[in-house]
Amino acid sequence: PGLIAEFRSLVEKDASVTRIEAKPAFYLGRSSPHPRIAPGPFEVTYTGVIAMKDSGAIAFSAFVGGEVTITIDGAVVLEGKGLT
C-alpha cells in the first residue's frame, strides 16, 4: 500500500529516485528527500490509487516551502505557493 513517489533534483538533472511511500508527508528543512538527491530544489510526483470508503467531501492541505499542485483524475484540487 502507498503511492509511488518519483523525486527529481532541480539542480542535478540526472539525479532521481523512485520509491513507494505509505504516507506522502515529510519535513525536510534544508535537507534532501534521499541521499541520491542533493539538498536544494527538487520536485516529486506521486502516482497511485487512493481508496475512499467515505462518500463525503474530501479536504486536501499542504504546508510547503515551494509550490504544490494536487491533481486527481485531471482536476486540480489544490494549488499553492509557500515561502522559499
C-alpha atoms as a PDB file:
ATOM      1  CA  PRO A   1       0.000   0.000   0.000  1.00  0.00           C
ATOM      2  CA  GLY A   2       1.075   3.535  -0.700  1.00  0.00           C
ATOM      3  CA  LEU A   3       1.785   5.900  -3.545  1.00  0.00           C
ATOM      4  CA  ILE A   4       4.682   5.738  -5.982  1.00  0.00           C
ATOM      5  CA  ALA A   5       6.895   8.789  -5.412  1.00  0.00           C
ATOM      6  CA  GLU A   6       9.341   9.917  -8.075  1.00  0.00           C
ATOM      7  CA  PHE A   7      11.767  12.528  -6.718  1.00  0.00           C
ATOM      8  CA  ARG A   8      13.865  14.596  -9.157  1.00  0.00           C
ATOM      9  CA  SER A   9      16.567  17.132  -8.325  1.00  0.00           C
ATOM     10  CA  LEU A  10      16.168  20.514  -9.985  1.00  0.00           C
ATOM     11  CA  VAL A  11      19.899  21.140  -9.518  1.00  0.00           C
ATOM     12  CA  GLU A  12      21.363  17.858 -10.787  1.00  0.00           C
ATOM     13  CA  LYS A  13      19.142  16.957 -13.745  1.00  0.00           C
ATOM     14  CA  ASP A  14      20.099  13.241 -13.749  1.00  0.00           C
ATOM     15  CA  ALA A  15      19.524  12.724 -10.014  1.00  0.00           C
ATOM     16  CA  SER A  16      16.265  10.915  -9.250  1.00  0.00           C
ATOM     17  CA  VAL A  17      14.843   8.185  -7.050  1.00  0.00           C
ATOM     18  CA  THR A  18      11.559   6.288  -7.115  1.00  0.00           C
ATOM     19  CA  ARG A  19      10.060   4.665  -4.030  1.00  0.00           C
ATOM     20  CA  ILE A  20       6.739   3.657  -2.505  1.00  0.00           C
ATOM     21  CA  GLU A  21       5.525   5.896   0.314  1.00  0.00           C
ATOM     22  CA  ALA A  22       2.763   4.777   2.642  1.00  0.00           C
ATOM     23  CA  LYS A  23       2.080   8.392   3.691  1.00  0.00           C
ATOM     24  CA  PRO A  24       3.212  11.229   1.430  1.00  0.00           C
ATOM     25  CA  ALA A  25       4.118  13.522   4.324  1.00  0.00           C
ATOM     26  CA  PHE A  26       7.550  14.683   5.383  1.00  0.00           C
ATOM     27  CA  TYR A  27       9.541  17.588   6.760  1.00  0.00           C
ATOM     28  CA  LEU A  28      12.919  18.196   5.178  1.00  0.00           C
ATOM     29  CA  GLY A  29      14.038  21.574   6.424  1.00  0.00           C
ATOM     30  CA  ARG A  30      17.146  22.219   4.306  1.00  0.00           C
ATOM     31  CA  SER A  31      17.985  18.541   3.840  1.00  0.00           C
ATOM     32  CA  SER A  32      17.245  16.164   0.971  1.00  0.00           C
ATOM     33  CA  PRO A  33      14.464  13.595   0.485  1.00  0.00           C
ATOM     34  CA  HIS A  34      17.079  10.921  -0.347  1.00  0.00           C
ATOM     35  CA  PRO A  35      20.905  10.615  -0.391  1.00  0.00           C
ATOM     36  CA  ARG A  36      20.874  10.388  -4.227  1.00  0.00           C
ATOM     37  CA  ILE A  37      19.364  13.873  -4.400  1.00  0.00           C
ATOM     38  CA  ALA A  38      21.448  16.862  -3.336  1.00  0.00           C
ATOM     39  CA  PRO A  39      19.946  19.292  -0.829  1.00  0.00           C
ATOM     40  CA  GLY A  40      18.168  22.069  -2.672  1.00  0.00           C
ATOM     41  CA  PRO A  41      15.218  22.394  -5.017  1.00  0.00           C
ATOM     42  CA  PHE A  42      13.517  19.194  -6.114  1.00  0.00           C
ATOM     43  CA  GLU A  43      10.183  18.040  -7.428  1.00  0.00           C
ATOM     44  CA  VAL A  44       8.179  14.957  -6.597  1.00  0.00           C
ATOM     45  CA  THR A  45       5.340  13.286  -8.483  1.00  0.00           C
ATOM     46  CA  TYR A  46       3.076  10.857  -6.627  1.00  0.00           C
ATOM     47  CA  THR A  47       1.012   8.364  -8.601  1.00  0.00           C
ATOM     48  CA  GLY A  48      -1.332   5.638  -7.489  1.00  0.00           C
ATOM     49  CA  VAL A  49      -4.815   4.953  -6.271  1.00  0.00           C
ATOM     50  CA  ILE A  50      -6.412   6.362  -3.148  1.00  0.00           C
ATOM     51  CA  ALA A  51      -9.266   4.161  -1.940  1.00  0.00           C
ATOM     52  CA  MET A  52     -12.011   6.211  -0.291  1.00  0.00           C
ATOM     53  CA  LYS A  53     -14.593   4.477   1.882  1.00  0.00           C
ATOM     54  CA  ASP A  54     -16.478   7.671   2.768  1.00  0.00           C
ATOM     55  CA  SER A  55     -18.611   9.351   0.099  1.00  0.00           C
ATOM     56  CA  GLY A  56     -18.411  12.761   1.809  1.00  0.00           C
ATOM     57  CA  ALA A  57     -16.298  15.760   0.886  1.00  0.00           C
ATOM     58  CA  ILE A  58     -12.511  15.403   0.912  1.00  0.00           C
ATOM     59  CA  ALA A  59     -10.140  18.149   2.051  1.00  0.00           C
ATOM     60  CA  PHE A  60      -6.504  18.450   0.935  1.00  0.00           C
ATOM     61  CA  SER A  61      -3.935  20.670   2.594  1.00  0.00           C
ATOM     62  CA  ALA A  62      -0.206  21.325   2.294  1.00  0.00           C
ATOM     63  CA  PHE A  63       2.418  23.398   4.053  1.00  0.00           C
ATOM     64  CA  VAL A  64       5.171  23.920   1.513  1.00  0.00           C
ATOM     65  CA  GLY A  65       8.380  25.847   1.026  1.00  0.00           C
ATOM     66  CA  GLY A  66       7.912  25.953  -2.738  1.00  0.00           C
ATOM     67  CA  GLU A  67       4.964  25.181  -4.988  1.00  0.00           C
ATOM     68  CA  VAL A  68       2.370  22.412  -4.856  1.00  0.00           C
ATOM     69  CA  THR A  69      -0.309  21.191  -7.246  1.00  0.00           C
ATOM     70  CA  ILE A  70      -2.548  18.217  -6.479  1.00  0.00           C
ATOM     71  CA  THR A  71      -4.409  16.817  -9.480  1.00  0.00           C
ATOM     72  CA  ILE A  72      -6.897  13.967  -9.301  1.00  0.00           C
ATOM     73  CA  ASP A  73      -8.345  12.474 -12.471  1.00  0.00           C
ATOM     74  CA  GLY A  74      -7.250  15.577 -14.387  1.00  0.00           C
ATOM     75  CA  ALA A  75      -8.881  18.079 -11.990  1.00  0.00           C
ATOM     76  CA  VAL A  76      -6.697  20.390  -9.896  1.00  0.00           C
ATOM     77  CA  VAL A  77      -7.893  20.076  -6.276  1.00  0.00           C
ATOM     78  CA  LEU A  78      -5.136  22.126  -4.585  1.00  0.00           C
ATOM     79  CA  GLU A  79      -2.647  24.720  -5.784  1.00  0.00           C
ATOM     80  CA  GLY A  80      -0.400  26.821  -3.634  1.00  0.00           C
ATOM     81  CA  LYS A  81       2.934  28.513  -3.191  1.00  0.00           C
ATOM     82  CA  GLY A  82       4.833  28.760   0.070  1.00  0.00           C
ATOM     83  CA  LEU A  83       7.840  30.727   1.179  1.00  0.00           C
ATOM     84  CA  THR A  84      11.159  29.606  -0.279  1.00  0.00           C
END
